[in-house]
Structures are given as C-alpha cells and as structure tokens.
Amino acid sequence: MSTSVEIKLASEDDLEELLPLMRGYCDFYKVAPSDQALIALSRALLADPQHEGVQLIARADTGQAVGFATVYWTWHTLNPGRLAVMNDLFVSKQARGTGVADALILACADEARRHGALSLDWQTAKDNARAQKVYERVGAERSEWLDYSLAL
C-alpha cells in the first residue's frame, strides 16, 4: 500500500505536531527525555541548519503529520568531507508500510546532497528487522563497524 506524502523541512510552526512523533520514536527505544529537551533539540537545529542539522516532517495527503527524520552534520577523515547522519527516522503506526519511511530517507539524502555531504549514514537496533528491510529496499548497504559509546 502506498500513500501520497509531502516531506518538508520542519519549522517552528511544526513543533506541536513534531513532538508526539519524537515521543513515539523515544518510546520505541524505551527512553524518556523531557518534552522540553526534545523541543530544545528541534530549536537548536532550526537556529543553525547549516552547521547543526535539519529535521524533516512527513505529512499525509490529509495534512496529518505521520513521520519525521533528523539529520546531523559531521565530518569524516577516512573519506574526507561532510557526512550526514540520519540519527532519527520514525513513522507513525497508521502510516507504516505506505512508503513514508522510504520517502523520508530519500528526502534526507536530497538534503544531505544539498549540504555537500558525501554520504548519508545511520544505524538501527540489531533486532529492528522491519527497518532493516526498508533500508535494504532503498539501496543502503549494511556497515560492518561496531558502535561504542562512552557516557559523560
């Protein structure tokens, strides 16, 4: 099943509808940052999209917000240049399986190209098989790198 979807850069006017999607994403990964922290993240991106990153919001043909993605900018030494990291990708339950995730990924890639990124990278949970099928469908390649994190 496919649906018509409009994807655009999120704006201050979108934050009220973006917040529940961000909360859904956090709930999926069983974390609970405050609403204030999530809105602060969005506003930091809005304040400096050239250096920080961007959020995209997907709307169904009804105008309802049904998904979002967040892309951050960084740099890569092994392939010198700007790198786009799609840190968040979420589609509401009612819109899953309709092509919204694919459209968001392609829009993130377009935005990354527009900002001069050499690649768009992201990660997902090892057990998120549904997402992995989407990623393979859009032509992404699985990395063999292991992720580490140091809490500060």
Protein backbone atom coordinates (compact mmCIF):
# COMPACT_ATOMS: atom_id res chain seq x y z
CA MET A 1 0.00 0.00 0.00
CA SER A 2 1.34 3.41 -0.94
CA THR A 3 0.17 6.84 0.10
CA SER A 4 0.78 10.37 -1.05
CA VAL A 5 3.16 12.13 1.29
CA GLU A 6 4.63 15.63 1.47
CA ILE A 7 8.03 16.00 3.10
CA LYS A 8 9.46 19.36 4.06
CA LEU A 9 11.95 20.85 6.46
CA ALA A 10 10.35 21.22 9.87
CA SER A 11 9.70 24.76 11.06
CA GLU A 12 8.74 26.37 14.35
CA ASP A 13 5.10 26.01 13.25
CA ASP A 14 5.54 22.20 13.04
CA LEU A 15 6.88 21.68 16.57
CA GLU A 16 3.50 20.96 18.17
CA GLU A 17 2.89 18.09 15.71
CA LEU A 18 6.53 17.02 15.62
CA LEU A 19 6.72 16.47 19.39
CA PRO A 20 4.35 13.45 19.52
CA LEU A 21 6.31 11.82 16.69
CA MET A 22 9.58 12.41 18.53
CA ARG A 23 7.96 11.00 21.67
CA GLY A 24 6.84 7.92 19.69
CA TYR A 25 10.41 7.43 18.50
CA CYS A 26 11.73 7.71 22.07
CA ASP A 27 9.04 5.32 23.32
CA PHE A 28 10.07 2.77 20.67
CA TYR A 29 13.63 2.86 22.04
CA LYS A 30 12.41 2.94 25.66
CA VAL A 31 13.91 6.31 26.61
CA ALA A 32 12.09 9.24 28.16
CA PRO A 33 13.70 12.64 27.62
CA SER A 34 11.55 15.59 28.64
CA ASP A 35 9.36 17.38 26.14
CA GLN A 36 11.42 20.49 26.85
CA ALA A 37 14.63 18.69 25.88
CA LEU A 38 13.09 17.40 22.64
CA ILE A 39 11.80 20.86 21.69
CA ALA A 40 15.20 22.37 22.57
CA LEU A 41 16.86 19.88 20.20
CA SER A 42 14.48 20.88 17.39
CA ARG A 43 15.02 24.58 18.05
CA ALA A 44 18.81 24.16 18.02
CA LEU A 45 18.51 22.64 14.55
CA LEU A 46 16.16 25.40 13.41
CA ALA A 47 18.59 28.04 14.68
CA ASP A 48 21.59 26.72 12.71
CA PRO A 49 20.66 24.24 9.97
CA GLN A 50 23.89 24.85 8.06
CA HIS A 51 26.11 23.66 10.93
CA GLU A 52 23.90 21.57 13.21
CA GLY A 53 21.47 19.65 11.02
CA VAL A 54 17.84 19.54 9.99
CA GLN A 55 14.58 17.81 10.79
CA LEU A 56 12.14 16.77 8.12
CA ILE A 57 8.44 16.19 8.71
CA ALA A 58 6.22 13.97 6.58
CA ARG A 59 2.54 14.75 6.10
CA ALA A 60 -0.11 12.52 4.59
CA ASP A 61 -2.40 13.96 1.92
CA THR A 62 -4.81 14.77 4.78
CA GLY A 63 -2.20 17.15 6.22
CA GLN A 64 -1.63 14.94 9.28
CA ALA A 65 2.00 14.65 10.44
CA VAL A 66 2.90 10.96 10.05
CA GLY A 67 6.70 10.81 10.30
CA PHE A 68 9.95 12.64 10.82
CA ALA A 69 13.67 12.28 10.35
CA THR A 70 16.62 14.14 11.85
CA VAL A 71 19.92 14.61 10.03
CA TYR A 72 23.05 15.92 11.75
CA TRP A 73 26.21 17.13 10.01
CA THR A 74 29.66 15.88 10.92
CA TRP A 75 32.94 15.21 9.14
CA HIS A 76 34.74 12.07 8.08
CA THR A 77 38.50 11.64 7.88
CA LEU A 78 38.60 8.31 6.00
CA ASN A 79 36.57 9.81 3.16
CA PRO A 80 37.41 13.48 3.76
CA GLY A 81 34.33 15.64 3.66
CA ARG A 82 31.00 16.35 5.24
CA LEU A 83 28.95 13.40 6.41
CA ALA A 84 25.19 13.39 7.03
CA VAL A 85 24.00 11.20 9.90
CA MET A 86 20.31 10.31 9.91
CA ASN A 87 20.04 9.91 13.65
CA ASP A 88 16.25 9.59 13.81
CA LEU A 89 13.65 8.08 11.49
CA PHE A 90 10.12 7.44 12.69
CA VAL A 91 6.78 6.77 11.03
CA SER A 92 3.52 6.62 12.98
CA LYS A 93 1.88 3.20 13.25
CA GLN A 94 -1.00 4.10 10.94
CA ALA A 95 1.39 5.19 8.17
CA ARG A 96 3.84 2.27 8.32
CA GLY A 97 4.00 0.18 5.18
CA THR A 98 2.81 3.05 2.99
CA GLY A 99 6.18 4.28 1.67
CA VAL A 100 6.59 7.14 4.15
CA ALA A 101 9.88 5.76 5.53
CA ASP A 102 11.30 5.32 2.02
CA ALA A 103 10.25 8.87 1.11
CA LEU A 104 11.81 10.28 4.29
CA ILE A 105 15.12 8.52 3.61
CA LEU A 106 15.21 9.82 0.03
CA ALA A 107 14.38 13.33 1.25
CA CYS A 108 17.20 13.08 3.82
CA ALA A 109 19.57 12.02 1.02
CA ASP A 110 18.47 15.01 -1.07
CA GLU A 111 19.01 17.35 1.87
CA ALA A 112 22.44 15.79 2.54
CA ARG A 113 23.43 16.35 -1.10
CA ARG A 114 22.21 19.95 -0.88
CA HIS A 115 24.55 20.47 2.10
CA GLY A 116 27.51 18.89 0.30
CA ALA A 117 27.60 15.62 2.24
CA LEU A 118 29.48 12.71 0.69
CA SER A 119 27.21 10.11 2.27
CA LEU A 120 24.17 9.62 4.44
CA ASP A 121 24.77 7.18 7.28
CA TRP A 122 22.55 5.84 10.06
CA GLN A 123 22.18 2.99 12.49
CA THR A 124 19.35 0.92 13.86
CA ALA A 125 18.84 -1.65 16.56
CA LYS A 126 20.05 -5.15 15.69
CA ASP A 127 16.53 -6.52 16.23
CA ASN A 128 14.70 -3.86 14.17
CA ALA A 129 14.10 -6.17 11.21
CA ARG A 130 11.28 -4.07 9.76
CA ALA A 131 13.52 -1.02 9.49
CA GLN A 132 16.35 -3.08 8.02
CA LYS A 133 14.04 -4.22 5.19
CA VAL A 134 13.25 -0.58 4.40
CA TYR A 135 16.94 0.34 4.39
CA GLU A 136 17.81 -2.51 2.04
CA ARG A 137 14.86 -1.59 -0.21
CA VAL A 138 16.18 1.97 -0.70
CA GLY A 139 19.63 0.63 -1.61
CA ALA A 140 21.53 1.25 1.63
CA GLU A 141 24.41 -1.06 2.49
CA ARG A 142 24.96 -2.57 5.92
CA SER A 143 28.14 -1.45 7.65
CA GLU A 144 30.48 -3.82 9.43
CA TRP A 145 31.51 -1.24 12.03
CA LEU A 146 30.73 -1.76 15.71
CA ASP A 147 29.38 1.16 17.69
CA TYR A 148 30.74 2.15 21.08
CA SER A 149 29.54 4.80 23.49
CA LEU A 150 31.18 6.47 26.47
CA ALA A 151 28.74 8.11 28.88
CA LEU A 152 29.90 11.54 30.00
